[in-house]
C-alpha atoms as a PDB file:
ATOM      1  CA  MET A   1     -14.727 -64.414-157.245  1.00  0.00           C
ATOM      2  CA  THR A   2     -14.791 -68.106-156.371  1.00  0.00           C
ATOM      3  CA  LEU A   3     -11.499 -69.495-155.119  1.00  0.00           C
ATOM      4  CA  GLY A   4     -12.459 -72.737-153.351  1.00  0.00           C
ATOM      5  CA  ARG A   5     -14.962 -75.532-153.919  1.00  0.00           C
ATOM      6  CA  ARG A   6     -14.670 -77.847-150.866  1.00  0.00           C
ATOM      7  CA  THR A   7     -16.498 -77.931-147.557  1.00  0.00           C
ATOM      8  CA  ARG A   8     -16.815 -80.871-145.181  1.00  0.00           C
ATOM      9  CA  ILE A   9     -19.507 -80.719-142.529  1.00  0.00           C
ATOM     10  CA  SER A  10     -20.264 -83.181-139.729  1.00  0.00           C
ATOM     11  CA  PRO A  11     -22.917 -84.281-138.884  1.00  0.00           C
ATOM     12  CA  LEU A  12     -24.532 -84.300-142.302  1.00  0.00           C
ATOM     13  CA  SER A  13     -26.189 -81.008-143.165  1.00  0.00           C
ATOM     14  CA  SER A  14     -26.848 -78.827-146.174  1.00  0.00           C
ATOM     15  CA  ALA A  15     -24.291 -76.128-146.767  1.00  0.00           C
ATOM     16  CA  GLY A  16     -22.944 -73.461-149.017  1.00  0.00           C
ATOM     17  CA  CYS A  17     -19.460 -72.445-147.920  1.00  0.00           C
ATOM     18  CA  VAL A  18     -18.463 -68.838-147.739  1.00  0.00           C
ATOM     19  CA  GLY A  19     -15.203 -67.348-146.540  1.00  0.00           C
ATOM     20  CA  VAL A  20     -13.419 -64.074-147.083  1.00  0.00           C
ATOM     21  CA  LEU A  21      -9.883 -63.113-148.050  1.00  0.00           C
ATOM     22  CA  PHE A  22     -10.645 -59.456-148.817  1.00  0.00           C
ATOM     23  CA  VAL A  23     -13.122 -60.874-151.362  1.00  0.00           C
ATOM     24  CA  ILE A  24     -16.035 -63.193-150.756  1.00  0.00           C
ATOM     25  CA  VAL A  25     -15.187 -66.799-151.483  1.00  0.00           C
ATOM     26  CA  SER A  26     -17.904 -69.381-151.904  1.00  0.00           C
ATOM     27  CA  CYS A  27     -18.055 -73.139-152.128  1.00  0.00           C
ATOM     28  CA  ALA A  28     -20.538 -75.437-153.775  1.00  0.00           C
ATOM     29  CA  PRO A  29     -23.207 -77.015-151.538  1.00  0.00           C
ATOM     30  CA  ALA A  30     -22.158 -80.216-149.813  1.00  0.00           C
ATOM     31  CA  GLY A  31     -23.735 -82.839-147.577  1.00  0.00           C
ATOM     32  CA  LEU A  32     -27.327 -83.841-146.953  1.00  0.00           C
ATOM     33  CA  PRO A  33     -30.134 -82.059-145.112  1.00  0.00           C
ATOM     34  CA  PRO A  34     -30.146 -82.506-141.337  1.00  0.00           C
ATOM     35  CA  THR A  35     -32.685 -84.704-139.625  1.00  0.00           C
ATOM     36  CA  PRO A  36     -35.488 -82.373-138.417  1.00  0.00           C
ATOM     37  CA  GLY A  37     -35.797 -82.084-134.659  1.00  0.00           C
ATOM     38  CA  VAL A  38     -32.422 -83.725-133.941  1.00  0.00           C
ATOM     39  CA  SER A  39     -30.155 -81.610-131.805  1.00  0.00           C
ATOM     40  CA  PRO A  40     -26.726 -83.183-131.427  1.00  0.00           C
ATOM     41  CA  THR A  41     -25.126 -82.410-128.104  1.00  0.00           C
ATOM     42  CA  SER A  42     -21.472 -82.410-127.291  1.00  0.00           C
ATOM     43  CA  THR A  43     -19.490 -83.490-124.313  1.00  0.00           C
ATOM     44  CA  ASN A  44     -16.678 -81.397-122.908  1.00  0.00           C
ATOM     45  CA  ASP A  45     -14.168 -83.029-125.239  1.00  0.00           C
ATOM     46  CA  GLN A  46     -16.275 -84.046-128.268  1.00  0.00           C
ATOM     47  CA  PRO A  47     -17.819 -81.424-130.571  1.00  0.00           C
ATOM     48  CA  ALA A  48     -21.414 -81.672-131.764  1.00  0.00           C
ATOM     49  CA  PHE A  49     -20.402 -80.435-135.235  1.00  0.00           C
ATOM     50  CA  VAL A  50     -17.139 -79.982-137.161  1.00  0.00           C
ATOM     51  CA  LEU A  51     -16.843 -77.665-140.162  1.00  0.00           C
ATOM     52  CA  ASP A  52     -13.844 -77.209-142.467  1.00  0.00           C
ATOM     53  CA  LEU A  53     -13.976 -73.692-143.897  1.00  0.00           C
ATOM     54  CA  GLU A  54     -11.681 -73.165-146.868  1.00  0.00           C
ATOM     55  CA  THR A  55     -10.463 -69.940-148.414  1.00  0.00           C
ATOM     56  CA  ALA A  56      -7.818 -69.916-151.142  1.00  0.00           C
ATOM     57  CA  GLY A  57      -6.505 -73.313-150.051  1.00  0.00           C
ATOM     58  CA  GLN A  58      -6.340 -72.343-146.358  1.00  0.00           C
ATOM     59  CA  ILE A  59      -8.606 -74.452-144.140  1.00  0.00           C
ATOM     60  CA  THR A  60      -9.798 -73.472-140.698  1.00  0.00           C
ATOM     61  CA  GLN A  61     -11.414 -76.400-138.902  1.00  0.00           C
ATOM     62  CA  VAL A  62     -14.113 -75.236-136.504  1.00  0.00           C
ATOM     63  CA  SER A  63     -15.299 -77.587-133.760  1.00  0.00           C
ATOM     64  CA  VAL A  64     -18.735 -76.567-132.466  1.00  0.00           C
ATOM     65  CA  PHE A  65     -19.515 -77.440-128.856  1.00  0.00           C
ATOM     66  CA  ASP A  66     -23.115 -77.469-127.655  1.00  0.00           C
ATOM     67  CA  PRO A  67     -23.178 -78.613-124.008  1.00  0.00           C
ATOM     68  CA  GLU A  68     -26.800 -77.469-123.495  1.00  0.00           C
ATOM     69  CA  GLY A  69     -28.145 -79.220-126.626  1.00  0.00           C
ATOM     70  CA  MET A  70     -29.713 -76.079-128.095  1.00  0.00           C
ATOM     71  CA  VAL A  71     -28.014 -76.153-131.528  1.00  0.00           C
ATOM     72  CA  VAL A  72     -30.023 -77.865-134.274  1.00  0.00           C
ATOM     73  CA  GLU A  73     -27.760 -77.164-137.253  1.00  0.00           C
ATOM     74  CA  VAL A  74     -24.491 -75.416-138.100  1.00  0.00           C
ATOM     75  CA  ARG A  75     -23.375 -74.572-141.625  1.00  0.00           C
ATOM     76  CA  PRO A  76     -21.070 -72.173-143.426  1.00  0.00           C
ATOM     77  CA  ALA A  77     -22.904 -68.907-144.026  1.00  0.00           C
ATOM     78  CA  ASP A  78     -24.335 -68.204-147.458  1.00  0.00           C
ATOM     79  CA  ALA A  79     -23.306 -65.184-149.545  1.00  0.00           C
ATOM     80  CA  PRO A  80     -25.867 -62.663-148.160  1.00  0.00           C
ATOM     81  CA  GLU A  81     -25.122 -63.733-144.564  1.00  0.00           C
ATOM     82  CA  THR A  82     -21.390 -63.407-145.175  1.00  0.00           C
ATOM     83  CA  THR A  83     -21.769 -59.991-146.780  1.00  0.00           C
ATOM     84  CA  ALA A  84     -23.684 -58.726-143.732  1.00  0.00           C
ATOM     85  CA  ALA A  85     -21.159 -60.237-141.305  1.00  0.00           C
ATOM     86  CA  MET A  86     -18.167 -58.838-143.192  1.00  0.00           C
ATOM     87  CA  ALA A  87     -19.696 -55.356-143.155  1.00  0.00           C
ATOM     88  CA  ALA A  88     -20.177 -55.648-139.368  1.00  0.00           C
ATOM     89  CA  LEU A  89     -16.646 -57.031-138.911  1.00  0.00           C
ATOM     90  CA  SER A  90     -15.232 -53.708-140.053  1.00  0.00           C
ATOM     91  CA  ALA A  91     -16.020 -52.447-136.531  1.00  0.00           C
ATOM     92  CA  SER A  92     -15.254 -55.575-134.451  1.00  0.00           C
ATOM     93  CA  ASP A  93     -13.261 -58.833-134.467  1.00  0.00           C
ATOM     94  CA  ILE A  94     -16.421 -60.926-133.927  1.00  0.00           C
ATOM     95  CA  VAL A  95     -20.122 -60.373-134.583  1.00  0.00           C
ATOM     96  CA  ALA A  96     -23.421 -62.190-134.024  1.00  0.00           C
ATOM     97  CA  LEU A  97     -26.229 -61.107-136.341  1.00  0.00           C
ATOM     98  CA  PRO A  98     -29.804 -62.268-136.946  1.00  0.00           C
ATOM     99  CA  GLY A  99     -29.981 -64.967-139.611  1.00  0.00           C
ATOM    100  CA  ARG A 100     -32.465 -65.658-142.389  1.00  0.00           C
ATOM    101  CA  SER A 101     -35.227 -66.492-139.893  1.00  0.00           C
ATOM    102  CA  ASP A 102     -35.828 -66.196-136.144  1.00  0.00           C
ATOM    103  CA  GLU A 103     -34.047 -69.421-135.169  1.00  0.00           C
ATOM    104  CA  TRP A 104     -30.810 -68.569-137.036  1.00  0.00           C
ATOM    105  CA  VAL A 105     -27.858 -66.517-135.823  1.00  0.00           C
ATOM    106  CA  VAL A 106     -24.885 -65.658-138.051  1.00  0.00           C
ATOM    107  CA  VAL A 107     -21.479 -65.519-136.355  1.00  0.00           C
ATOM    108  CA  GLY A 108     -18.466 -64.001-138.088  1.00  0.00           C
ATOM    109  CA  TRP A 109     -14.920 -63.503-136.834  1.00  0.00           C
ATOM    110  CA  LEU A 110     -11.473 -62.646-138.170  1.00  0.00           C
ATOM    111  CA  VAL A 111      -8.538 -65.068-138.323  1.00  0.00           C
ATOM    112  CA  SER A 112      -5.083 -65.082-139.887  1.00  0.00           C
ATOM    113  CA  PRO A 113      -3.887 -67.615-142.479  1.00  0.00           C
ATOM    114  CA  CYS A 114      -2.120 -69.490-139.641  1.00  0.00           C
ATOM    115  CA  ASP A 115      -5.303 -70.004-137.603  1.00  0.00           C
ATOM    116  CA  ARG A 116      -6.052 -73.537-138.782  1.00  0.00           C
ATOM    117  CA  HIS A 117      -8.287 -74.618-135.883  1.00  0.00           C
ATOM    118  CA  GLY A 118     -10.840 -73.024-133.651  1.00  0.00           C
ATOM    119  CA  SER A 119     -13.676 -73.898-131.355  1.00  0.00           C
ATOM    120  CA  LEU A 120     -17.101 -72.323-131.203  1.00  0.00           C
ATOM    121  CA  THR A 121     -19.088 -72.936-128.017  1.00  0.00           C
ATOM    122  CA  VAL A 122     -22.760 -72.071-127.556  1.00  0.00           C
ATOM    123  CA  VAL A 123     -23.758 -71.729-123.888  1.00  0.00           C
ATOM    124  CA  ALA A 124     -26.668 -69.756-122.420  1.00  0.00           C
ATOM    125  CA  THR A 125     -26.584 -66.408-124.267  1.00  0.00           C
ATOM    126  CA  VAL A 126     -22.904 -66.424-125.263  1.00  0.00           C
ATOM    127  CA  ILE A 127     -21.260 -67.752-128.411  1.00  0.00           C
ATOM    128  CA  THR A 128     -17.528 -68.048-127.816  1.00  0.00           C
ATOM    129  CA  VAL A 129     -14.959 -68.536-130.571  1.00  0.00           C
ATOM    130  CA  GLN A 130     -11.568 -69.577-129.253  1.00  0.00           C
ATOM    131  CA  LEU A 131      -8.412 -69.872-131.343  1.00  0.00           C
ATOM    132  CA  PRO A 132      -5.556 -72.042-130.020  1.00  0.00           C
ATOM    133  CA  PRO A 133      -1.947 -70.839-129.651  1.00  0.00           C
ATOM    134  CA  ARG A 134       0.012 -70.681-132.906  1.00  0.00           C
ATOM    135  CA  PRO A 135       3.259 -69.329-134.344  1.00  0.00           C
ATOM    136  CA  GLY A 136       3.218 -65.811-135.748  1.00  0.00           C
ATOM    137  CA  CYS A 137       2.440 -65.313-139.436  1.00  0.00           C
ATOM    138  CA  ASP A 138       1.190 -62.810-142.003  1.00  0.00           C
ATOM    139  CA  ALA A 139      -1.093 -60.125-140.676  1.00  0.00           C
ATOM    140  CA  ILE A 140      -3.703 -60.526-143.422  1.00  0.00           C
ATOM    141  CA  ALA A 141      -7.248 -60.981-142.098  1.00  0.00           C
ATOM    142  CA  ILE A 142      -9.542 -63.765-143.268  1.00  0.00           C
ATOM    143  CA  GLY A 143     -13.216 -63.690-142.323  1.00  0.00           C
ATOM    144  CA  ARG A 144     -14.877 -66.885-141.114  1.00  0.00           C
ATOM    145  CA  VAL A 145     -18.675 -66.885-141.026  1.00  0.00           C
ATOM    146  CA  VAL A 146     -21.049 -69.639-139.907  1.00  0.00           C
ATOM    147  CA  ALA A 147     -24.808 -69.829-139.459  1.00  0.00           C
ATOM    148  CA  ILE A 148     -26.220 -71.535-136.375  1.00  0.00           C
ATOM    149  CA  ARG A 149     -29.826 -72.709-136.012  1.00  0.00           C
ATOM    150  CA  VAL A 150     -31.045 -73.047-132.440  1.00  0.00           C
ATOM    151  CA  ALA A 151     -34.121 -74.861-131.141  1.00  0.00           C
ATOM    152  CA  ASP A 152     -35.399 -71.805-129.219  1.00  0.00           C
ATOM    153  CA  PRO A 153     -35.835 -68.782-131.540  1.00  0.00           C
ATOM    154  CA  THR A 154     -35.953 -66.377-128.584  1.00  0.00           C
ATOM    155  CA  ARG A 155     -32.311 -67.214-127.817  1.00  0.00           C
ATOM    156  CA  ALA A 156     -31.076 -66.501-131.349  1.00  0.00           C
ATOM    157  CA  ALA A 157     -31.788 -62.785-130.925  1.00  0.00           C
ATOM    158  CA  ILE A 158     -29.923 -62.377-127.626  1.00  0.00           C
ATOM    159  CA  PHE A 159     -26.568 -64.087-128.219  1.00  0.00           C
ATOM    160  CA  THR A 160     -23.452 -62.130-127.345  1.00  0.00           C
ATOM    161  CA  PRO A 161     -20.292 -63.063-129.288  1.00  0.00           C
ATOM    162  CA  LEU A 162     -16.931 -63.437-127.566  1.00  0.00           C
ATOM    163  CA  LEU A 163     -13.597 -64.000-129.333  1.00  0.00           C
ATOM    164  CA  ILE A 164     -10.680 -65.495-127.420  1.00  0.00           C
ATOM    165  CA  ASP A 165      -7.872 -64.788-129.841  1.00  0.00           C
ATOM    166  CA  SER A 166      -4.903 -67.067-130.285  1.00  0.00           C
ATOM    167  CA  THR A 167      -1.745 -66.607-128.282  1.00  0.00           C
ATOM    168  CA  ILE A 168       1.258 -66.055-130.510  1.00  0.00           C
ATOM    169  CA  LEU A 169       3.970 -68.513-129.599  1.00  0.00           C
ATOM    170  CA  PRO A 170       7.500 -67.109-129.362  1.00  0.00           C
ATOM    171  CA  GLU A 171       9.792 -67.796-132.271  1.00  0.00           C
ATOM    172  CA  VAL A 172      12.557 -70.159-131.270  1.00  0.00           C
ATOM    173  CA  VAL A 173      15.884 -68.915-132.577  1.00  0.00           C
ATOM    174  CA  LEU A 174      18.732 -71.275-131.979  1.00  0.00           C
ATOM    175  CA  PRO A 175      22.013 -69.599-131.036  1.00  0.00           C
ATOM    176  CA  THR A 176      24.591 -69.335-133.753  1.00  0.00           C
ATOM    177  CA  PRO A 177      27.310 -71.902-133.125  1.00  0.00           C
ATOM    178  CA  VAL A 178      30.616 -70.398-132.201  1.00  0.00           C
ATOM    179  CA  ALA A 179      33.715 -71.767-133.909  1.00  0.00           C
ATOM    180  CA  PRO A 180      36.298 -73.207-131.542  1.00  0.00           C
ATOM    181  CA  PRO A 181      39.221 -70.907-130.800  1.00  0.00           C
ATOM    182  CA  PRO A 182      42.249 -71.346-133.025  1.00  0.00           C
ATOM    183  CA  THR A 183      44.886 -73.695-131.715  1.00  0.00           C
ATOM    184  CA  ALA A 184      48.592 -72.890-131.444  1.00  0.00           C
ATOM    185  CA  GLU A 185      49.221 -75.189-134.367  1.00  0.00           C
ATOM    186  CA  GLY A 186      47.076 -73.508-136.798  1.00  0.00           C
END
């Protein structure tokens, strides 16, 4: 069942977008193929890649940080990759699975409809997904799945995923105004 048809990816890369809202959602390919052998690196405050993953009109923007310069390409996972990740997500909130070839790793994690931003950082043998603080919202789970190609295929097989879930911000409830006491006149 296709619900969305938009994916933006930076830098330019080929992509087929896949997300999950209890059903697999796919997007048409977008962008251009990456330049072979180019590995964008990121600074502490600037991501190497930015992906907008859309499911049923809900976009989660994922900033990918690559301080060691090992990531060659990042794209939304295709349908078979997403199916495998979603099956594995039934036992965990985040997974890292082998991709379509030795240099690819597929990372999937669960978010809520209110998780509109996230960061994915690839360092050493750990892939960390961190969700920023947000207000509370519906408890429905949406799967987000990306495929990451690394320059060193031996690293793709040993990544450990780590999810730093969002902090739920307290709901601010303003006190009910109290009417002034009645006066003697009225």
